[in-house]
Amino acid sequence: MITTMDAAGRLVVPKAIREEAGLRPGEPLEVTVHDGRVEIVTAPRQVRIRERNGIRIAEPAGSYETLSEQTVRKTRDRLRGDRKPR
């Protein structure tokens, strides 16, 4: 897909790409340049480590929307596909 940048430097990410990447309005994004390529990824979420029932867990430091079942399934399937056979 091709898009353009306006005079203020704003870039419109096409809807199909936003949907596939799971990007939502207001979501913090990290923008970097690697080997002349601009990369945009969701910013890492801040977490705090707590102990619950003797087990250390990470929980969000702020409030976040719960992931949809579709997002969890899609991520799980992608990660399983990335695994190397044992």
Protein backbone atom coordinates (compact mmCIF):
# COMPACT_ATOMS: atom_id res chain seq x y z
CA MET A 1 0.00 0.00 0.00
CA ILE A 2 1.16 3.51 -0.68
CA THR A 3 0.41 6.52 1.49
CA THR A 4 1.79 10.05 1.69
CA MET A 5 3.05 12.30 4.42
CA ASP A 6 1.57 15.79 4.79
CA ALA A 7 3.53 19.03 5.26
CA ALA A 8 3.33 18.66 9.06
CA GLY A 9 4.98 15.21 8.87
CA ARG A 10 1.82 13.25 9.63
CA LEU A 11 1.41 9.87 8.02
CA VAL A 12 -1.85 8.03 7.57
CA VAL A 13 -1.51 4.30 8.16
CA PRO A 14 -4.07 2.57 5.91
CA LYS A 15 -6.98 0.94 7.75
CA ALA A 16 -6.14 -2.58 6.54
CA ILE A 17 -2.63 -2.29 7.98
CA ARG A 18 -3.90 -0.80 11.28
CA GLU A 19 -6.36 -3.66 11.62
CA GLU A 20 -3.81 -6.36 10.79
CA ALA A 21 -1.30 -4.85 13.26
CA GLY A 22 -3.98 -4.35 15.93
CA LEU A 23 -3.29 -0.62 16.21
CA ARG A 24 -5.88 1.49 17.99
CA PRO A 25 -6.34 5.27 18.23
CA GLY A 26 -4.32 6.80 21.04
CA GLU A 27 -2.02 3.78 21.37
CA PRO A 28 1.62 4.76 22.05
CA LEU A 29 3.90 3.85 19.16
CA GLU A 30 7.67 3.60 19.03
CA VAL A 31 9.22 4.94 15.81
CA THR A 32 12.82 4.04 14.94
CA VAL A 33 15.10 4.00 11.91
CA HIS A 34 17.14 0.90 11.04
CA ASP A 35 19.29 0.73 7.93
CA GLY A 36 17.33 3.58 6.35
CA ARG A 37 13.94 1.97 7.07
CA VAL A 38 11.36 3.55 9.35
CA GLU A 39 9.90 1.01 11.76
CA ILE A 40 6.75 1.58 13.78
CA VAL A 41 5.86 -0.78 16.61
CA THR A 42 3.57 -0.54 19.59
CA ALA A 43 5.50 0.87 22.54
CA PRO A 44 6.28 -1.63 25.30
CA ARG A 45 3.74 -1.45 28.08
CA GLN A 46 4.94 -0.50 31.51
CA VAL A 47 4.51 -3.27 34.09
CA ARG A 48 5.16 -3.71 37.77
CA ILE A 49 6.22 -6.97 39.39
CA ARG A 50 4.05 -8.23 42.26
CA GLU A 51 3.95 -11.36 44.26
CA ARG A 52 0.67 -13.23 44.30
CA ASN A 53 0.32 -16.50 46.22
CA GLY A 54 4.10 -16.87 46.35
CA ILE A 55 4.51 -16.36 42.59
CA ARG A 56 5.96 -13.24 41.01
CA ILE A 57 3.74 -11.82 38.28
CA ALA A 58 3.88 -8.83 35.96
CA GLU A 59 0.81 -6.65 35.79
CA PRO A 60 0.14 -3.47 33.80
CA ALA A 61 1.24 -0.27 35.51
CA GLY A 62 -1.67 1.58 33.91
CA SER A 63 -5.11 0.70 32.71
CA TYR A 64 -5.37 -1.08 29.41
CA GLU A 65 -8.16 -2.63 27.40
CA THR A 66 -8.49 -6.37 27.70
CA LEU A 67 -7.25 -8.15 24.59
CA SER A 68 -9.99 -9.56 22.43
CA GLU A 69 -10.25 -13.32 21.99
CA GLN A 70 -9.49 -12.82 18.29
CA THR A 71 -6.26 -10.93 19.07
CA VAL A 72 -5.13 -13.59 21.54
CA ARG A 73 -5.91 -16.40 19.08
CA LYS A 74 -4.17 -14.63 16.19
CA THR A 75 -1.05 -13.95 18.28
CA ARG A 76 -0.96 -17.50 19.64
CA ASP A 77 -1.30 -19.00 16.17
CA ARG A 78 1.43 -16.73 14.78
CA LEU A 79 3.80 -17.62 17.60
CA ARG A 80 3.12 -21.33 17.19
CA GLY A 81 3.86 -20.98 13.47
CA ASP A 82 7.21 -19.33 14.28
CA ARG A 83 8.37 -22.27 16.43
CA LYS A 84 11.07 -24.55 15.12
CA PRO A 85 10.31 -28.29 15.18
CA ARG A 86 11.89 -30.17 18.07
